[in-house]
Amino acid sequence: MGITELLTAAFIVLKLLGKIDWSWWLVLLPEIIAAAIYFMIVIASAFRCRRTFKQVDKTFRDIDRDLW
C-alpha cells in the first residue's frame, strides 16, 4: 500500500468513527489526486509511445526504400 491508500483508509476510519467532520470528497481526496497523477502518466506514456512508433515506422520505410 502506498501513502495515498494509507491516508484514505485512515480518513475513512476517522470519518466513520465521527472523529472528523469532513465531506466525503475531502476524505477521498488522496485517492483522487493519485488517480489524476496516474492518468497523466498514462497519457504521457501514450504520446511518447506514439512518437516512438512513428520514428520506427519512418526508419523502416527508409530502409525499405534503400533496399529497392
C-alpha atoms as a PDB file:
ATOM      1  CA  MET A   1       0.000   0.000   0.000  1.00  0.00           C
ATOM      2  CA  GLY A   2       1.175   3.446  -0.844  1.00  0.00           C
ATOM      3  CA  ILE A   3       0.866   6.595   1.189  1.00  0.00           C
ATOM      4  CA  THR A   4      -2.328   7.678  -0.558  1.00  0.00           C
ATOM      5  CA  GLU A   5      -4.046   4.385   0.200  1.00  0.00           C
ATOM      6  CA  LEU A   6      -2.994   4.567   3.850  1.00  0.00           C
ATOM      7  CA  LEU A   7      -4.179   8.155   4.152  1.00  0.00           C
ATOM      8  CA  THR A   8      -7.502   7.343   2.532  1.00  0.00           C
ATOM      9  CA  ALA A   9      -8.045   4.315   4.772  1.00  0.00           C
ATOM     10  CA  ALA A  10      -7.205   6.372   7.870  1.00  0.00           C
ATOM     11  CA  PHE A  11      -9.501   9.206   6.790  1.00  0.00           C
ATOM     12  CA  ILE A  12     -12.369   6.785   6.098  1.00  0.00           C
ATOM     13  CA  VAL A  13     -11.971   5.175   9.526  1.00  0.00           C
ATOM     14  CA  LEU A  14     -11.863   8.572  11.217  1.00  0.00           C
ATOM     15  CA  LYS A  15     -14.916   9.733   9.251  1.00  0.00           C
ATOM     16  CA  LEU A  16     -16.916   6.605  10.119  1.00  0.00           C
ATOM     17  CA  LEU A  17     -15.966   6.898  13.798  1.00  0.00           C
ATOM     18  CA  GLY A  18     -17.106  10.526  13.783  1.00  0.00           C
ATOM     19  CA  LYS A  19     -13.667  11.898  14.718  1.00  0.00           C
ATOM     20  CA  ILE A  20     -13.558  14.201  11.692  1.00  0.00           C
ATOM     21  CA  ASP A  21     -16.431  16.102  10.154  1.00  0.00           C
ATOM     22  CA  TRP A  22     -15.121  16.422   6.622  1.00  0.00           C
ATOM     23  CA  SER A  23     -17.123  15.957   3.464  1.00  0.00           C
ATOM     24  CA  TRP A  24     -16.555  12.692   1.618  1.00  0.00           C
ATOM     25  CA  TRP A  25     -14.716  14.350  -1.269  1.00  0.00           C
ATOM     26  CA  LEU A  26     -12.079  15.600   1.197  1.00  0.00           C
ATOM     27  CA  VAL A  27     -11.816  12.136   2.742  1.00  0.00           C
ATOM     28  CA  LEU A  28     -11.249  10.620  -0.702  1.00  0.00           C
ATOM     29  CA  LEU A  29      -9.006  13.441  -1.971  1.00  0.00           C
ATOM     30  CA  PRO A  30      -5.710  11.489  -1.656  1.00  0.00           C
ATOM     31  CA  GLU A  31      -7.086   8.810  -3.991  1.00  0.00           C
ATOM     32  CA  ILE A  32      -8.451  11.417  -6.388  1.00  0.00           C
ATOM     33  CA  ILE A  33      -5.037  13.076  -6.571  1.00  0.00           C
ATOM     34  CA  ALA A  34      -3.301   9.726  -7.079  1.00  0.00           C
ATOM     35  CA  ALA A  35      -5.751   8.769  -9.840  1.00  0.00           C
ATOM     36  CA  ALA A  36      -5.147  12.101 -11.592  1.00  0.00           C
ATOM     37  CA  ILE A  37      -1.377  11.598 -11.447  1.00  0.00           C
ATOM     38  CA  TYR A  38      -1.677   8.008 -12.763  1.00  0.00           C
ATOM     39  CA  PHE A  39      -3.928   9.247 -15.567  1.00  0.00           C
ATOM     40  CA  MET A  40      -1.396  11.922 -16.572  1.00  0.00           C
ATOM     41  CA  ILE A  41       1.378   9.304 -16.597  1.00  0.00           C
ATOM     42  CA  VAL A  42      -0.683   7.028 -18.859  1.00  0.00           C
ATOM     43  CA  ILE A  43      -1.469   9.885 -21.264  1.00  0.00           C
ATOM     44  CA  ALA A  44       2.190  10.984 -21.384  1.00  0.00           C
ATOM     45  CA  SER A  45       3.281   7.387 -21.996  1.00  0.00           C
ATOM     46  CA  ALA A  46       0.772   7.013 -24.823  1.00  0.00           C
ATOM     47  CA  PHE A  47       2.070  10.149 -26.538  1.00  0.00           C
ATOM     48  CA  ARG A  48       5.671   9.008 -26.121  1.00  0.00           C
ATOM     49  CA  CYS A  49       4.823   5.547 -27.453  1.00  0.00           C
ATOM     50  CA  ARG A  50       3.060   7.073 -30.463  1.00  0.00           C
ATOM     51  CA  ARG A  51       6.063   9.260 -31.220  1.00  0.00           C
ATOM     52  CA  THR A  52       8.408   6.269 -30.914  1.00  0.00           C
ATOM     53  CA  PHE A  53       6.270   4.153 -33.260  1.00  0.00           C
ATOM     54  CA  LYS A  54       6.253   6.984 -35.807  1.00  0.00           C
ATOM     55  CA  GLN A  55      10.052   7.122 -35.686  1.00  0.00           C
ATOM     56  CA  VAL A  56      10.350   3.342 -36.064  1.00  0.00           C
ATOM     57  CA  ASP A  57       7.901   3.358 -38.964  1.00  0.00           C
ATOM     58  CA  LYS A  58       9.865   6.120 -40.696  1.00  0.00           C
ATOM     59  CA  THR A  59      13.099   4.185 -40.196  1.00  0.00           C
ATOM     60  CA  PHE A  60      11.610   1.012 -41.684  1.00  0.00           C
ATOM     61  CA  ARG A  61      10.247   2.961 -44.656  1.00  0.00           C
ATOM     62  CA  ASP A  62      13.697   4.487 -45.237  1.00  0.00           C
ATOM     63  CA  ILE A  63      15.336   1.041 -45.060  1.00  0.00           C
ATOM     64  CA  ASP A  64      12.733  -0.422 -47.402  1.00  0.00           C
ATOM     65  CA  ARG A  65      13.227   2.448 -49.873  1.00  0.00           C
ATOM     66  CA  ASP A  66      17.001   1.981 -49.797  1.00  0.00           C
ATOM     67  CA  LEU A  67      16.697  -1.749 -50.469  1.00  0.00           C
ATOM     68  CA  TRP A  68      14.571  -1.276 -53.589  1.00  0.00           C
END
